[in-house]
Amino acid sequence: MARPARTGAGVTAIDEEMARVQQRLAELAEQRKAALAAEADKGRPMLLAALGKVRIASMSKDEAKTIAKALGDLGPSRVAQILSQR
């Protein structure tokens, strides 16, 4: 005769462990998001330092946004390559 499957405490323990693991995954996801944001903005200090050493002609807000968007979309290497071809 087969024994009835143990449930109750076993299922409860599994559910509790799953909840702990899901909480930890949520924490890791937040840490990853913060790390990606920091990595994506890592070049800002270098750019600001370089901008502080050159004179920049007057520009509109739209022009400044376009330049910033190009840096964000294309990346600094591609923008530098395009500008060096002028």
Protein backbone atom coordinates (compact mmCIF):
# COMPACT_ATOMS: atom_id res chain seq x y z
CA MET A 1 0.00 0.00 0.00
CA ALA A 2 1.39 3.40 -0.98
CA ARG A 3 1.87 6.07 1.60
CA PRO A 4 0.01 9.33 1.16
CA ALA A 5 2.25 12.17 -0.09
CA ARG A 6 3.49 14.54 2.58
CA THR A 7 2.05 17.98 2.09
CA GLY A 8 1.32 20.72 4.55
CA ALA A 9 4.64 21.66 6.20
CA GLY A 10 6.62 20.66 3.09
CA VAL A 11 4.55 22.83 0.78
CA THR A 12 4.58 25.69 3.26
CA ALA A 13 8.37 25.52 3.53
CA ILE A 14 8.70 25.46 -0.25
CA ASP A 15 6.37 28.44 -0.60
CA GLU A 16 8.35 30.38 1.99
CA GLU A 17 11.64 29.58 0.25
CA MET A 18 10.17 30.60 -3.11
CA ALA A 19 9.08 33.91 -1.58
CA ARG A 20 12.63 34.49 -0.23
CA VAL A 21 14.17 33.64 -3.60
CA GLN A 22 11.75 35.94 -5.44
CA GLN A 23 12.56 38.76 -3.02
CA ARG A 24 16.29 38.21 -3.59
CA LEU A 25 15.77 38.21 -7.36
CA ALA A 26 13.90 41.51 -7.09
CA GLU A 27 16.79 42.97 -5.06
CA LEU A 28 19.30 41.74 -7.63
CA ALA A 29 17.23 43.23 -10.46
CA GLU A 30 17.32 46.63 -8.73
CA GLN A 31 21.09 46.36 -8.15
CA ARG A 32 21.57 45.45 -11.82
CA LYS A 33 19.46 48.40 -12.92
CA ALA A 34 21.54 50.77 -10.77
CA ALA A 35 24.80 49.26 -12.05
CA LEU A 36 23.69 49.61 -15.68
CA ALA A 37 22.70 53.24 -15.10
CA ALA A 38 26.07 53.99 -13.52
CA GLU A 39 27.90 52.23 -16.36
CA ALA A 40 25.91 54.13 -18.97
CA ASP A 41 26.92 57.46 -17.39
CA LYS A 42 30.56 56.59 -16.73
CA GLY A 43 31.93 58.98 -19.39
CA ARG A 44 30.16 62.11 -18.14
CA PRO A 45 33.04 63.40 -15.95
CA MET A 46 35.54 63.03 -18.82
CA LEU A 47 33.28 64.86 -21.26
CA LEU A 48 32.55 67.68 -18.81
CA ALA A 49 36.27 68.05 -18.07
CA ALA A 50 37.04 68.24 -21.79
CA LEU A 51 34.22 70.74 -22.39
CA GLY A 52 35.65 72.91 -19.63
CA LYS A 53 38.88 73.28 -21.62
CA VAL A 54 37.42 74.52 -24.90
CA ARG A 55 35.37 77.49 -25.97
CA ILE A 56 31.91 76.63 -27.17
CA ALA A 57 29.94 78.95 -29.41
CA SER A 58 26.41 79.87 -28.52
CA MET A 59 23.89 77.12 -29.26
CA SER A 60 20.21 76.52 -28.85
CA LYS A 61 18.71 74.07 -26.41
CA ASP A 62 17.68 71.87 -29.35
CA GLU A 63 21.25 71.80 -30.68
CA ALA A 64 22.58 70.82 -27.28
CA LYS A 65 19.97 68.06 -26.98
CA THR A 66 20.85 66.78 -30.45
CA ILE A 67 24.53 66.57 -29.55
CA ALA A 68 23.75 64.84 -26.28
CA LYS A 69 21.36 62.42 -28.01
CA ALA A 70 24.02 61.55 -30.60
CA LEU A 71 26.44 60.72 -27.80
CA GLY A 72 23.83 58.59 -26.09
CA ASP A 73 22.60 56.82 -29.22
CA LEU A 74 25.85 56.37 -31.16
CA GLY A 75 28.33 56.27 -28.32
CA PRO A 76 31.38 58.44 -27.87
CA SER A 77 33.64 56.40 -30.17
CA ARG A 78 31.30 56.69 -33.16
CA VAL A 79 30.68 60.41 -32.56
CA ALA A 80 34.42 61.02 -32.33
CA GLN A 81 34.96 59.04 -35.54
CA ILE A 82 32.32 61.05 -37.40
CA LEU A 83 33.73 64.36 -36.14
CA SER A 84 37.30 63.42 -37.01
CA GLN A 85 36.25 62.87 -40.65
CA ARG A 86 35.28 66.53 -41.07
